[in-house]
Each structure stands twice: as C-alpha cells, then as structure tokens.
Amino acid sequence: MLLVVLSRTLDLARKRLATLFASGWGYMLLLVLLNVAISSALMPAEGFTTGSYMMEPIVEGTETAEREAALRLLAVIANLLAGFSIGVAYLRRILLGAREFPLAFGARNLRVAWKLVILGLLGVLILLPLVMLGGVLVPLLGPIGVFALVAAPFVALMLVQRLSLVLPAAALDDDMTLKESWALTRGIGWALAVAALAVTLLAGIGVWIWSLVLMLLGALVSDMGALAQLRSALFPMGAMVIVTWLFASLHTTAYALARERYAEEVGLKTAELAEAEVRRRKATRETAARAVDAVRGLSDKRRR
C-alpha cells in the first residue's frame, strides 16, 4: 500500500504541476509582493548575508531586534495562510474542476486553517507523552528505550496522518469528522505515515535545490537594490509553494482512497482501491476481535 500511496502522490504532483500554478497564481503573486515589502523593510545596509531576510540572524539587544522578529512572525503567518489557500485551490481544481477567483478566501479556508491547528495540537499532545515515556524507558531498558524514544515522532506522525483526511475534506466542504477519518484510514495508517516522511524529505530536497538556484542567481546580481529584495522574497515564497504542492498532492491521493468517487481524477486504479478496502476491512475485523477478546477476558476474571 505504501508504494501505491507514494507513487500516486508523486505521479499526481508531476502531472498536475501546471494545475498548481493555474489555481494558485494569485496567492503566489501576493506572496512575492508581501515578501518583497518585508525584504525592503529588513534589508541591512550592507545587504543580506544569507540571501533572504528569512534566514538572516537576528542580533539580540539591538534596537531593531523586536521589530525584525515581529515582521518575520508576520511573514510566517502570511506565508502559511497563502500556502494552505494555494493547497485548497489546487485540491478543488483537481477533484472538482473548480475555477474560482484567484484570491478566493472565506469560511472554507478558515475551516481548513482550524482543522490544521487542531491536527497540530493533537500531534503535540500525542508526541509529548510518547517522548516522556521513551525518556523514562532509556535508563531502564537501554537500547529498547532508545528505540522507543526514536520511534515516538513516527508513531505520532502515523496517528496524525490517520486523522488528516479532515483537511482535504474541509477544502471540499465535506463534513468529515476526526472519527470518520480514523475509520477510513484503517489499514493504511503506516503507509500514510511513511509516505508523509518521504514527502517531507522530498520537500526538504526541493527547498534546498531552490535555495541553490537563488544563490546562483544572487551571484549575478548586486547585494543591494530591487533585485536583491526580489531574490530575498523568492526564497520563502518558493519554499512554501514546494511544500504545499507535495503535501496537497499527498492529501489529495489519501482522500481519493477514502472517497472512491474521486479516484479517477487522481489516477487510482480499481485494484488499488480494492486493496485499500481489503486492508480497511481486515483492520476493522482485527479491532473488533481484540475488543471481543478483552470483554471475554474481563468476564473470565469476574467468574473466578
């Protein structure tokens, strides 16, 4: 199942790259303009030493340190808002063929943002106890405790991925709950988690390549002036677009596995959908069997 999720995600991302720009160009342009404005406000007298304001070190204790930190926080929030708005438009264009206003932003986007916040908080709430448990086990069990500590983030990621179908659902005005997402991802949770790790790695490589491209371009232009500000702005904008493109493709694929009516738009085959359904049913039966065994165990204890 992992190969199905990952291959379909990457295939979708490759084939629909033009769709990403067609559906999200308005927000991309807005991101460039916003980041150029912040770059011009934060540009040092000697120019950016790292190529982008987002990577420049903040010198603590200076008069401008708080202002720089506030502007960067504003930039992060704006980039995130624009990023998931691009993701919403991209997903809707693929699955619904929707052609909406380039800067459409409303209740739908806010619902996606709220679901994203909830998933982030749940991820933290899941991860903290696992890390604490791993920390306790390290001195007691040695290598086993270390393994538990290292595995904690992956387990948390798997659990969050099983709940993450609410994100594409919200983008499509589907009132899917966390409980429904959990049920629909039975049997494919580990595949989604490993695919998310692979996509994270690919996104990191993509951002690194993008930074190298901008670095090479920077060697051809002055460290000061409008071109330097544009180069500074293009790094956070490009990084957000790359991350959005890959993760939106992953969530679109995962959602189509759960909602089979969208399978054709994603390129999923009947056999792949059948495999996902078999895994869901098998996981459901195993869960039910464990519940029955637990009840029987309690009954046996009471009889004794």
C-alpha atoms as a PDB file:
ATOM      1  CA  MET A   1       0.000   0.000   0.000  1.00  0.00           C
ATOM      2  CA  LEU A   2       2.923   2.325   0.690  1.00  0.00           C
ATOM      3  CA  LEU A   3       4.090   2.100  -2.923  1.00  0.00           C
ATOM      4  CA  VAL A   4       0.564   2.852  -4.133  1.00  0.00           C
ATOM      5  CA  VAL A   5       0.225   5.973  -1.967  1.00  0.00           C
ATOM      6  CA  LEU A   6       3.707   7.264  -2.701  1.00  0.00           C
ATOM      7  CA  SER A   7       3.742   6.511  -6.434  1.00  0.00           C
ATOM      8  CA  ARG A   8       0.295   8.031  -6.984  1.00  0.00           C
ATOM      9  CA  THR A   9       1.231  11.094  -4.935  1.00  0.00           C
ATOM     10  CA  LEU A  10       4.395  11.746  -6.936  1.00  0.00           C
ATOM     11  CA  ASP A  11       2.659  10.980 -10.231  1.00  0.00           C
ATOM     12  CA  LEU A  12      -0.138  13.395  -9.355  1.00  0.00           C
ATOM     13  CA  ALA A  13       2.351  16.095  -8.329  1.00  0.00           C
ATOM     14  CA  ARG A  14       4.277  15.683 -11.588  1.00  0.00           C
ATOM     15  CA  LYS A  15       1.246  15.703 -13.869  1.00  0.00           C
ATOM     16  CA  ARG A  16      -0.555  18.500 -12.042  1.00  0.00           C
ATOM     17  CA  LEU A  17       2.278  20.990 -11.590  1.00  0.00           C
ATOM     18  CA  ALA A  18       0.669  23.262 -14.180  1.00  0.00           C
ATOM     19  CA  THR A  19      -2.615  22.977 -12.242  1.00  0.00           C
ATOM     20  CA  LEU A  20      -0.836  24.222  -9.126  1.00  0.00           C
ATOM     21  CA  PHE A  21       0.187  27.436 -10.881  1.00  0.00           C
ATOM     22  CA  ALA A  22      -3.129  27.811 -12.711  1.00  0.00           C
ATOM     23  CA  SER A  23      -5.117  27.582  -9.475  1.00  0.00           C
ATOM     24  CA  GLY A  24      -2.720  29.353  -7.096  1.00  0.00           C
ATOM     25  CA  TRP A  25      -1.011  32.064  -9.150  1.00  0.00           C
ATOM     26  CA  GLY A  26      -2.922  34.835  -7.385  1.00  0.00           C
ATOM     27  CA  TYR A  27      -1.647  33.812  -3.956  1.00  0.00           C
ATOM     28  CA  MET A  28       1.853  33.226  -5.330  1.00  0.00           C
ATOM     29  CA  LEU A  29       1.930  36.779  -6.685  1.00  0.00           C
ATOM     30  CA  LEU A  30       0.600  38.077  -3.374  1.00  0.00           C
ATOM     31  CA  LEU A  31       3.345  36.161  -1.550  1.00  0.00           C
ATOM     32  CA  VAL A  32       6.032  37.699  -3.748  1.00  0.00           C
ATOM     33  CA  LEU A  33       4.707  41.228  -3.171  1.00  0.00           C
ATOM     34  CA  LEU A  34       4.388  40.716   0.586  1.00  0.00           C
ATOM     35  CA  ASN A  35       7.845  39.184   0.925  1.00  0.00           C
ATOM     36  CA  VAL A  36       9.395  41.933  -1.223  1.00  0.00           C
ATOM     37  CA  ALA A  37       7.848  44.538   1.087  1.00  0.00           C
ATOM     38  CA  ILE A  38       9.226  42.789   4.175  1.00  0.00           C
ATOM     39  CA  SER A  39      12.611  42.294   2.486  1.00  0.00           C
ATOM     40  CA  SER A  40      12.869  46.007   1.761  1.00  0.00           C
ATOM     41  CA  ALA A  41      11.984  46.806   5.377  1.00  0.00           C
ATOM     42  CA  LEU A  42      14.550  44.368   6.796  1.00  0.00           C
ATOM     43  CA  MET A  43      17.424  44.779   4.321  1.00  0.00           C
ATOM     44  CA  PRO A  44      20.647  45.650   6.198  1.00  0.00           C
ATOM     45  CA  ALA A  45      22.841  48.500   4.999  1.00  0.00           C
ATOM     46  CA  GLU A  46      25.406  46.001   3.673  1.00  0.00           C
ATOM     47  CA  GLY A  47      22.780  43.709   2.092  1.00  0.00           C
ATOM     48  CA  PHE A  48      21.599  40.211   3.038  1.00  0.00           C
ATOM     49  CA  THR A  49      24.456  37.909   4.009  1.00  0.00           C
ATOM     50  CA  THR A  50      22.334  34.756   3.598  1.00  0.00           C
ATOM     51  CA  GLY A  51      20.385  35.775   0.505  1.00  0.00           C
ATOM     52  CA  SER A  52      16.995  36.100   2.224  1.00  0.00           C
ATOM     53  CA  TYR A  53      15.591  38.027   5.161  1.00  0.00           C
ATOM     54  CA  MET A  54      14.036  34.800   6.430  1.00  0.00           C
ATOM     55  CA  MET A  55      17.468  33.284   7.084  1.00  0.00           C
ATOM     56  CA  GLU A  56      19.250  36.376   8.396  1.00  0.00           C
ATOM     57  CA  PRO A  57      20.312  36.117  12.069  1.00  0.00           C
ATOM     58  CA  ILE A  58      18.592  38.489  14.483  1.00  0.00           C
ATOM     59  CA  VAL A  59      21.119  40.348  16.619  1.00  0.00           C
ATOM     60  CA  GLU A  60      19.732  40.348  20.153  1.00  0.00           C
ATOM     61  CA  GLY A  61      19.935  43.543  22.152  1.00  0.00           C
ATOM     62  CA  THR A  62      19.737  45.878  19.172  1.00  0.00           C
ATOM     63  CA  GLU A  63      17.025  48.497  18.764  1.00  0.00           C
ATOM     64  CA  THR A  64      15.579  46.758  15.712  1.00  0.00           C
ATOM     65  CA  ALA A  65      15.608  43.174  17.064  1.00  0.00           C
ATOM     66  CA  GLU A  66      11.975  43.197  18.255  1.00  0.00           C
ATOM     67  CA  ARG A  67      10.785  44.832  15.036  1.00  0.00           C
ATOM     68  CA  GLU A  68      12.620  42.264  12.915  1.00  0.00           C
ATOM     69  CA  ALA A  69      11.196  39.391  14.960  1.00  0.00           C
ATOM     70  CA  ALA A  70       7.657  40.798  14.652  1.00  0.00           C
ATOM     71  CA  LEU A  71       7.970  41.238  10.877  1.00  0.00           C
ATOM     72  CA  ARG A  72       9.278  37.698  10.471  1.00  0.00           C
ATOM     73  CA  LEU A  73       6.410  36.321  12.543  1.00  0.00           C
ATOM     74  CA  LEU A  74       4.006  38.255  10.318  1.00  0.00           C
ATOM     75  CA  ALA A  75       5.747  36.806   7.261  1.00  0.00           C
ATOM     76  CA  VAL A  76       5.492  33.242   8.599  1.00  0.00           C
ATOM     77  CA  ILE A  77       1.759  33.630   9.307  1.00  0.00           C
ATOM     78  CA  ALA A  78       1.119  35.219   5.900  1.00  0.00           C
ATOM     79  CA  ASN A  79       3.099  32.516   4.089  1.00  0.00           C
ATOM     80  CA  LEU A  80       1.190  29.773   5.931  1.00  0.00           C
ATOM     81  CA  LEU A  81      -2.192  31.360   5.151  1.00  0.00           C
ATOM     82  CA  ALA A  82      -1.295  31.759   1.494  1.00  0.00           C
ATOM     83  CA  GLY A  83       0.226  28.278   1.398  1.00  0.00           C
ATOM     84  CA  PHE A  84      -2.842  26.361   2.529  1.00  0.00           C
ATOM     85  CA  SER A  85      -5.037  28.644   0.390  1.00  0.00           C
ATOM     86  CA  ILE A  86      -2.987  27.531  -2.624  1.00  0.00           C
ATOM     87  CA  GLY A  87      -3.446  23.946  -1.425  1.00  0.00           C
ATOM     88  CA  VAL A  88      -7.227  24.400  -1.179  1.00  0.00           C
ATOM     89  CA  ALA A  89      -7.449  25.859  -4.689  1.00  0.00           C
ATOM     90  CA  TYR A  90      -5.167  23.127  -6.090  1.00  0.00           C
ATOM     91  CA  LEU A  91      -7.163  20.311  -4.498  1.00  0.00           C
ATOM     92  CA  ARG A  92     -10.511  21.757  -5.602  1.00  0.00           C
ATOM     93  CA  ARG A  93      -9.258  22.223  -9.154  1.00  0.00           C
ATOM     94  CA  ILE A  94      -8.122  18.575  -9.334  1.00  0.00           C
ATOM     95  CA  LEU A  95     -11.106  16.869  -7.703  1.00  0.00           C
ATOM     96  CA  LEU A  96     -13.951  19.234  -8.603  1.00  0.00           C
ATOM     97  CA  GLY A  97     -12.613  21.092 -11.626  1.00  0.00           C
ATOM     98  CA  ALA A  98     -13.396  24.298  -9.703  1.00  0.00           C
ATOM     99  CA  ARG A  99     -12.206  27.541 -11.301  1.00  0.00           C
ATOM    100  CA  GLU A 100     -12.569  30.165  -8.622  1.00  0.00           C
ATOM    101  CA  PHE A 101     -11.347  33.719  -8.087  1.00  0.00           C
ATOM    102  CA  PRO A 102      -7.513  33.678  -7.838  1.00  0.00           C
ATOM    103  CA  LEU A 103      -7.603  35.191  -4.345  1.00  0.00           C
ATOM    104  CA  ALA A 104     -10.699  33.413  -3.015  1.00  0.00           C
ATOM    105  CA  PHE A 105     -10.616  33.359   0.778  1.00  0.00           C
ATOM    106  CA  GLY A 106     -13.578  32.711   3.017  1.00  0.00           C
ATOM    107  CA  ALA A 107     -15.179  30.359   5.522  1.00  0.00           C
ATOM    108  CA  ARG A 108     -13.823  27.322   3.664  1.00  0.00           C
ATOM    109  CA  ASN A 109     -10.223  28.481   4.084  1.00  0.00           C
ATOM    110  CA  LEU A 110     -10.834  29.270   7.744  1.00  0.00           C
ATOM    111  CA  ARG A 111     -12.226  25.764   8.291  1.00  0.00           C
ATOM    112  CA  VAL A 112      -9.109  24.256   6.745  1.00  0.00           C
ATOM    113  CA  ALA A 113      -6.938  26.513   8.916  1.00  0.00           C
ATOM    114  CA  TRP A 114      -8.855  25.479  12.035  1.00  0.00           C
ATOM    115  CA  LYS A 115      -8.523  21.776  11.187  1.00  0.00           C
ATOM    116  CA  LEU A 116      -4.797  22.326  10.613  1.00  0.00           C
ATOM    117  CA  VAL A 117      -4.454  23.940  14.049  1.00  0.00           C
ATOM    118  CA  ILE A 118      -6.373  21.060  15.667  1.00  0.00           C
ATOM    119  CA  LEU A 119      -4.139  18.472  13.988  1.00  0.00           C
ATOM    120  CA  GLY A 120      -1.044  20.373  15.099  1.00  0.00           C
ATOM    121  CA  LEU A 121      -2.236  20.470  18.707  1.00  0.00           C
ATOM    122  CA  LEU A 122      -3.186  16.791  18.609  1.00  0.00           C
ATOM    123  CA  GLY A 123       0.249  15.981  17.228  1.00  0.00           C
ATOM    124  CA  VAL A 124       1.906  17.775  20.143  1.00  0.00           C
ATOM    125  CA  LEU A 125      -0.421  16.123  22.674  1.00  0.00           C
ATOM    126  CA  ILE A 126       0.362  12.698  21.207  1.00  0.00           C
ATOM    127  CA  LEU A 127       4.104  13.273  20.892  1.00  0.00           C
ATOM    128  CA  LEU A 128       4.816  14.653  24.377  1.00  0.00           C
ATOM    129  CA  PRO A 129       3.653  11.559  26.362  1.00  0.00           C
ATOM    130  CA  LEU A 130       5.457   9.254  23.921  1.00  0.00           C
ATOM    131  CA  VAL A 131       8.713  11.193  24.281  1.00  0.00           C
ATOM    132  CA  MET A 132       8.344  11.266  28.075  1.00  0.00           C
ATOM    133  CA  LEU A 133       7.694   7.512  28.110  1.00  0.00           C
ATOM    134  CA  GLY A 134      10.726   6.919  25.910  1.00  0.00           C
ATOM    135  CA  GLY A 135      12.850   9.090  28.198  1.00  0.00           C
ATOM    136  CA  VAL A 136      11.768   7.016  31.201  1.00  0.00           C
ATOM    137  CA  LEU A 137      12.480   3.731  29.394  1.00  0.00           C
ATOM    138  CA  VAL A 138      16.005   4.673  28.237  1.00  0.00           C
ATOM    139  CA  PRO A 139      17.714   4.216  31.656  1.00  0.00           C
ATOM    140  CA  LEU A 140      15.547   1.184  32.459  1.00  0.00           C
ATOM    141  CA  LEU A 141      15.689  -0.798  29.217  1.00  0.00           C
ATOM    142  CA  GLY A 142      18.706   0.635  27.414  1.00  0.00           C
ATOM    143  CA  PRO A 143      18.522   0.040  23.637  1.00  0.00           C
ATOM    144  CA  ILE A 144      14.806  -0.737  23.766  1.00  0.00           C
ATOM    145  CA  GLY A 145      14.169   2.593  25.469  1.00  0.00           C
ATOM    146  CA  VAL A 146      16.286   4.395  22.865  1.00  0.00           C
ATOM    147  CA  PHE A 147      14.275   2.704  20.114  1.00  0.00           C
ATOM    148  CA  ALA A 148      11.022   3.786  21.795  1.00  0.00           C
ATOM    149  CA  LEU A 149      12.307   7.366  22.026  1.00  0.00           C
ATOM    150  CA  VAL A 150      13.342   7.431  18.367  1.00  0.00           C
ATOM    151  CA  ALA A 151      10.065   5.818  17.268  1.00  0.00           C
ATOM    152  CA  ALA A 152       7.896   8.316  19.179  1.00  0.00           C
ATOM    153  CA  PRO A 153       7.793  11.005  16.440  1.00  0.00           C
ATOM    154  CA  PHE A 154       6.973   8.399  13.793  1.00  0.00           C
ATOM    155  CA  VAL A 155       4.126   6.935  15.862  1.00  0.00           C
ATOM    156  CA  ALA A 156       2.758  10.446  16.452  1.00  0.00           C
ATOM    157  CA  LEU A 157       3.008  11.169  12.719  1.00  0.00           C
ATOM    158  CA  MET A 158       1.146   7.968  11.868  1.00  0.00           C
ATOM    159  CA  LEU A 159      -1.676   8.809  14.264  1.00  0.00           C
ATOM    160  CA  VAL A 160      -1.962  12.372  12.950  1.00  0.00           C
ATOM    161  CA  GLN A 161      -1.934  11.138   9.347  1.00  0.00           C
ATOM    162  CA  ARG A 162      -4.866   8.881  10.130  1.00  0.00           C
ATOM    163  CA  LEU A 163      -6.792  11.971  11.188  1.00  0.00           C
ATOM    164  CA  SER A 164      -5.544  14.232   8.404  1.00  0.00           C
ATOM    165  CA  LEU A 165      -8.286  13.427   5.877  1.00  0.00           C
ATOM    166  CA  VAL A 166     -10.298  16.190   7.535  1.00  0.00           C
ATOM    167  CA  LEU A 167      -8.046  18.718   5.736  1.00  0.00           C
ATOM    168  CA  PRO A 168      -8.951  17.817   2.132  1.00  0.00           C
ATOM    169  CA  ALA A 169     -12.497  17.125   3.313  1.00  0.00           C
ATOM    170  CA  ALA A 170     -12.813  20.682   4.648  1.00  0.00           C
ATOM    171  CA  ALA A 171     -11.451  22.038   1.368  1.00  0.00           C
ATOM    172  CA  LEU A 172     -14.240  20.178  -0.469  1.00  0.00           C
ATOM    173  CA  ASP A 173     -16.988  21.169   2.016  1.00  0.00           C
ATOM    174  CA  ASP A 174     -17.185  17.552   3.196  1.00  0.00           C
ATOM    175  CA  ASP A 175     -18.221  17.459   6.874  1.00  0.00           C
ATOM    176  CA  MET A 176     -15.869  14.591   7.683  1.00  0.00           C
ATOM    177  CA  THR A 177     -15.101  14.213  11.382  1.00  0.00           C
ATOM    178  CA  LEU A 178     -11.884  13.063  13.023  1.00  0.00           C
ATOM    179  CA  LYS A 179     -13.655   9.812  13.904  1.00  0.00           C
ATOM    180  CA  GLU A 180     -14.617   9.210  10.270  1.00  0.00           C
ATOM    181  CA  SER A 181     -11.080   9.974   9.115  1.00  0.00           C
ATOM    182  CA  TRP A 182      -9.744   7.478  11.645  1.00  0.00           C
ATOM    183  CA  ALA A 183     -12.134   4.796  10.379  1.00  0.00           C
ATOM    184  CA  LEU A 184     -11.416   5.467   6.693  1.00  0.00           C
ATOM    185  CA  THR A 185      -7.649   5.162   7.161  1.00  0.00           C
ATOM    186  CA  ARG A 186      -7.752   1.805   8.950  1.00  0.00           C
ATOM    187  CA  GLY A 187      -5.150  -0.499   7.476  1.00  0.00           C
ATOM    188  CA  ILE A 188      -3.263   2.258   5.631  1.00  0.00           C
ATOM    189  CA  GLY A 189      -2.081   4.394   8.559  1.00  0.00           C
ATOM    190  CA  TRP A 190       1.532   3.211   8.384  1.00  0.00           C
ATOM    191  CA  ALA A 191       1.581   3.651   4.611  1.00  0.00           C
ATOM    192  CA  LEU A 192       0.381   7.246   5.002  1.00  0.00           C
ATOM    193  CA  ALA A 193       2.950   7.935   7.724  1.00  0.00           C
ATOM    194  CA  VAL A 194       5.892   6.592   5.706  1.00  0.00           C
ATOM    195  CA  ALA A 195       4.627   8.429   2.623  1.00  0.00           C
ATOM    196  CA  ALA A 196       4.455  11.640   4.683  1.00  0.00           C
ATOM    197  CA  LEU A 197       8.062  11.097   5.802  1.00  0.00           C
ATOM    198  CA  ALA A 198       9.138  10.548   2.197  1.00  0.00           C
ATOM    199  CA  VAL A 199       7.263  13.657   1.061  1.00  0.00           C
ATOM    200  CA  THR A 200       8.878  15.666   3.875  1.00  0.00           C
ATOM    201  CA  LEU A 201      12.307  14.512   2.704  1.00  0.00           C
ATOM    202  CA  LEU A 202      11.500  15.367  -0.914  1.00  0.00           C
ATOM    203  CA  ALA A 203      10.185  18.775   0.123  1.00  0.00           C
ATOM    204  CA  GLY A 204      13.403  19.424   2.041  1.00  0.00           C
ATOM    205  CA  ILE A 205      15.472  18.461  -1.008  1.00  0.00           C
ATOM    206  CA  GLY A 206      13.285  20.669  -3.194  1.00  0.00           C
ATOM    207  CA  VAL A 207      13.711  23.678  -0.897  1.00  0.00           C
ATOM    208  CA  TRP A 208      17.474  23.066  -0.788  1.00  0.00           C
ATOM    209  CA  ILE A 209      17.665  22.990  -4.603  1.00  0.00           C
ATOM    210  CA  TRP A 210      15.560  26.165  -4.742  1.00  0.00           C
ATOM    211  CA  SER A 211      17.961  27.904  -2.350  1.00  0.00           C
ATOM    212  CA  LEU A 212      20.918  26.833  -4.536  1.00  0.00           C
ATOM    213  CA  VAL A 213      19.210  28.248  -7.633  1.00  0.00           C
ATOM    214  CA  LEU A 214      18.639  31.556  -5.858  1.00  0.00           C
ATOM    215  CA  MET A 215      22.226  31.527  -4.614  1.00  0.00           C
ATOM    216  CA  LEU A 216      23.495  31.129  -8.185  1.00  0.00           C
ATOM    217  CA  LEU A 217      21.213  33.922  -9.343  1.00  0.00           C
ATOM    218  CA  GLY A 218      22.463  36.044  -6.451  1.00  0.00           C
ATOM    219  CA  ALA A 219      25.995  35.765  -7.793  1.00  0.00           C
ATOM    220  CA  LEU A 220      24.804  37.536 -10.943  1.00  0.00           C
ATOM    221  CA  VAL A 221      23.102  40.485  -9.246  1.00  0.00           C
ATOM    222  CA  SER A 222      24.062  43.132  -6.727  1.00  0.00           C
ATOM    223  CA  ASP A 223      23.648  42.516  -2.996  1.00  0.00           C
ATOM    224  CA  MET A 224      21.624  45.716  -2.826  1.00  0.00           C
ATOM    225  CA  GLY A 225      18.613  47.112  -4.639  1.00  0.00           C
ATOM    226  CA  ALA A 226      15.375  45.740  -6.042  1.00  0.00           C
ATOM    227  CA  LEU A 227      16.834  42.518  -7.466  1.00  0.00           C
ATOM    228  CA  ALA A 228      18.363  41.592  -4.101  1.00  0.00           C
ATOM    229  CA  GLN A 229      14.999  42.215  -2.431  1.00  0.00           C
ATOM    230  CA  LEU A 230      13.251  40.074  -5.046  1.00  0.00           C
ATOM    231  CA  ARG A 231      15.720  37.227  -4.518  1.00  0.00           C
ATOM    232  CA  SER A 232      15.164  37.512  -0.758  1.00  0.00           C
ATOM    233  CA  ALA A 233      11.387  37.331  -1.276  1.00  0.00           C
ATOM    234  CA  LEU A 234      11.514  34.392  -3.678  1.00  0.00           C
ATOM    235  CA  PHE A 235      13.065  32.020  -1.126  1.00  0.00           C
ATOM    236  CA  PRO A 236      10.154  31.862   1.394  1.00  0.00           C
ATOM    237  CA  MET A 237       7.596  32.038  -1.414  1.00  0.00           C
ATOM    238  CA  GLY A 238       9.205  29.179  -3.345  1.00  0.00           C
ATOM    239  CA  ALA A 239       9.723  27.079  -0.224  1.00  0.00           C
ATOM    240  CA  MET A 240       6.049  27.406   0.717  1.00  0.00           C
ATOM    241  CA  VAL A 241       4.896  26.549  -2.813  1.00  0.00           C
ATOM    242  CA  ILE A 242       7.089  23.413  -2.918  1.00  0.00           C
ATOM    243  CA  VAL A 243       5.858  22.173   0.469  1.00  0.00           C
ATOM    244  CA  THR A 244       2.224  22.952  -0.409  1.00  0.00           C
ATOM    245  CA  TRP A 245       2.484  21.237  -3.806  1.00  0.00           C
ATOM    246  CA  LEU A 246       3.830  17.959  -2.415  1.00  0.00           C
ATOM    247  CA  PHE A 247       1.677  17.705   0.716  1.00  0.00           C
ATOM    248  CA  ALA A 248      -1.501  18.778  -1.105  1.00  0.00           C
ATOM    249  CA  SER A 249      -0.809  16.003  -3.634  1.00  0.00           C
ATOM    250  CA  LEU A 250      -0.401  13.503  -0.779  1.00  0.00           C
ATOM    251  CA  HIS A 251      -3.638  14.581   0.916  1.00  0.00           C
ATOM    252  CA  THR A 252      -5.498  14.531  -2.404  1.00  0.00           C
ATOM    253  CA  THR A 253      -4.353  10.953  -3.025  1.00  0.00           C
ATOM    254  CA  ALA A 254      -5.244   9.836   0.508  1.00  0.00           C
ATOM    255  CA  TYR A 255      -8.682  11.448   0.267  1.00  0.00           C
ATOM    256  CA  ALA A 256      -9.368   9.748  -3.074  1.00  0.00           C
ATOM    257  CA  LEU A 257      -8.531   6.383  -1.476  1.00  0.00           C
ATOM    258  CA  ALA A 258     -11.249   7.074   1.096  1.00  0.00           C
ATOM    259  CA  ARG A 259     -13.791   8.701  -1.220  1.00  0.00           C
ATOM    260  CA  GLU A 260     -13.707   6.443  -4.266  1.00  0.00           C
ATOM    261  CA  ARG A 261     -15.763   8.771  -6.459  1.00  0.00           C
ATOM    262  CA  TYR A 262     -12.628  10.921  -6.846  1.00  0.00           C
ATOM    263  CA  ALA A 263     -10.306   8.033  -7.726  1.00  0.00           C
ATOM    264  CA  GLU A 264     -10.313   8.724 -11.464  1.00  0.00           C
ATOM    265  CA  GLU A 265      -9.166  12.338 -11.024  1.00  0.00           C
ATOM    266  CA  VAL A 266      -6.150  11.164  -9.013  1.00  0.00           C
ATOM    267  CA  GLY A 267      -5.333   8.234 -11.314  1.00  0.00           C
ATOM    268  CA  LEU A 268      -6.034   5.438  -8.836  1.00  0.00           C
ATOM    269  CA  LYS A 269      -6.791   2.043 -10.337  1.00  0.00           C
ATOM    270  CA  THR A 270      -9.655  -0.247  -9.330  1.00  0.00           C
ATOM    271  CA  ALA A 271      -7.215  -2.832  -7.961  1.00  0.00           C
ATOM    272  CA  GLU A 272      -5.554  -0.194  -5.766  1.00  0.00           C
ATOM    273  CA  LEU A 273      -8.898   0.913  -4.355  1.00  0.00           C
ATOM    274  CA  ALA A 274      -9.812  -2.719  -3.732  1.00  0.00           C
ATOM    275  CA  GLU A 275      -6.540  -3.277  -1.864  1.00  0.00           C
ATOM    276  CA  ALA A 276      -7.222  -0.280   0.370  1.00  0.00           C
ATOM    277  CA  GLU A 277     -10.735  -1.552   1.088  1.00  0.00           C
ATOM    278  CA  VAL A 278      -9.422  -5.038   1.928  1.00  0.00           C
ATOM    279  CA  ARG A 279      -6.924  -3.527   4.356  1.00  0.00           C
ATOM    280  CA  ARG A 280      -9.644  -1.398   5.980  1.00  0.00           C
ATOM    281  CA  ARG A 281     -11.933  -4.388   6.463  1.00  0.00           C
ATOM    282  CA  LYS A 282      -9.111  -6.556   7.802  1.00  0.00           C
ATOM    283  CA  ALA A 283      -8.085  -3.856  10.292  1.00  0.00           C
ATOM    284  CA  THR A 284     -11.725  -3.418  11.357  1.00  0.00           C
ATOM    285  CA  ARG A 285     -12.112  -7.161  11.942  1.00  0.00           C
ATOM    286  CA  GLU A 286      -8.879  -7.288  13.948  1.00  0.00           C
ATOM    287  CA  THR A 287     -10.002  -4.340  16.088  1.00  0.00           C
ATOM    288  CA  ALA A 288     -13.367  -5.991  16.712  1.00  0.00           C
ATOM    289  CA  ALA A 289     -11.673  -9.292  17.578  1.00  0.00           C
ATOM    290  CA  ARG A 290      -9.391  -7.587  20.105  1.00  0.00           C
ATOM    291  CA  ALA A 291     -12.392  -5.867  21.672  1.00  0.00           C
ATOM    292  CA  VAL A 292     -14.252  -9.187  21.963  1.00  0.00           C
ATOM    293  CA  ASP A 293     -11.182 -10.868  23.486  1.00  0.00           C
ATOM    294  CA  ALA A 294     -10.862  -8.048  26.002  1.00  0.00           C
ATOM    295  CA  VAL A 295     -14.519  -8.403  27.041  1.00  0.00           C
ATOM    296  CA  ARG A 296     -14.135 -12.169  27.353  1.00  0.00           C
ATOM    297  CA  GLY A 297     -11.041 -11.682  29.481  1.00  0.00           C
ATOM    298  CA  LEU A 298     -12.939  -9.404  31.860  1.00  0.00           C
ATOM    299  CA  SER A 299     -15.818 -11.886  32.054  1.00  0.00           C
ATOM    300  CA  ASP A 300     -13.434 -14.748  32.885  1.00  0.00           C
ATOM    301  CA  LYS A 301     -11.813 -12.708  35.667  1.00  0.00           C
ATOM    302  CA  ARG A 302     -15.194 -11.910  37.221  1.00  0.00           C
ATOM    303  CA  ARG A 303     -16.219 -15.590  37.194  1.00  0.00           C
ATOM    304  CA  ARG A 304     -13.044 -16.521  39.038  1.00  0.00           C
END
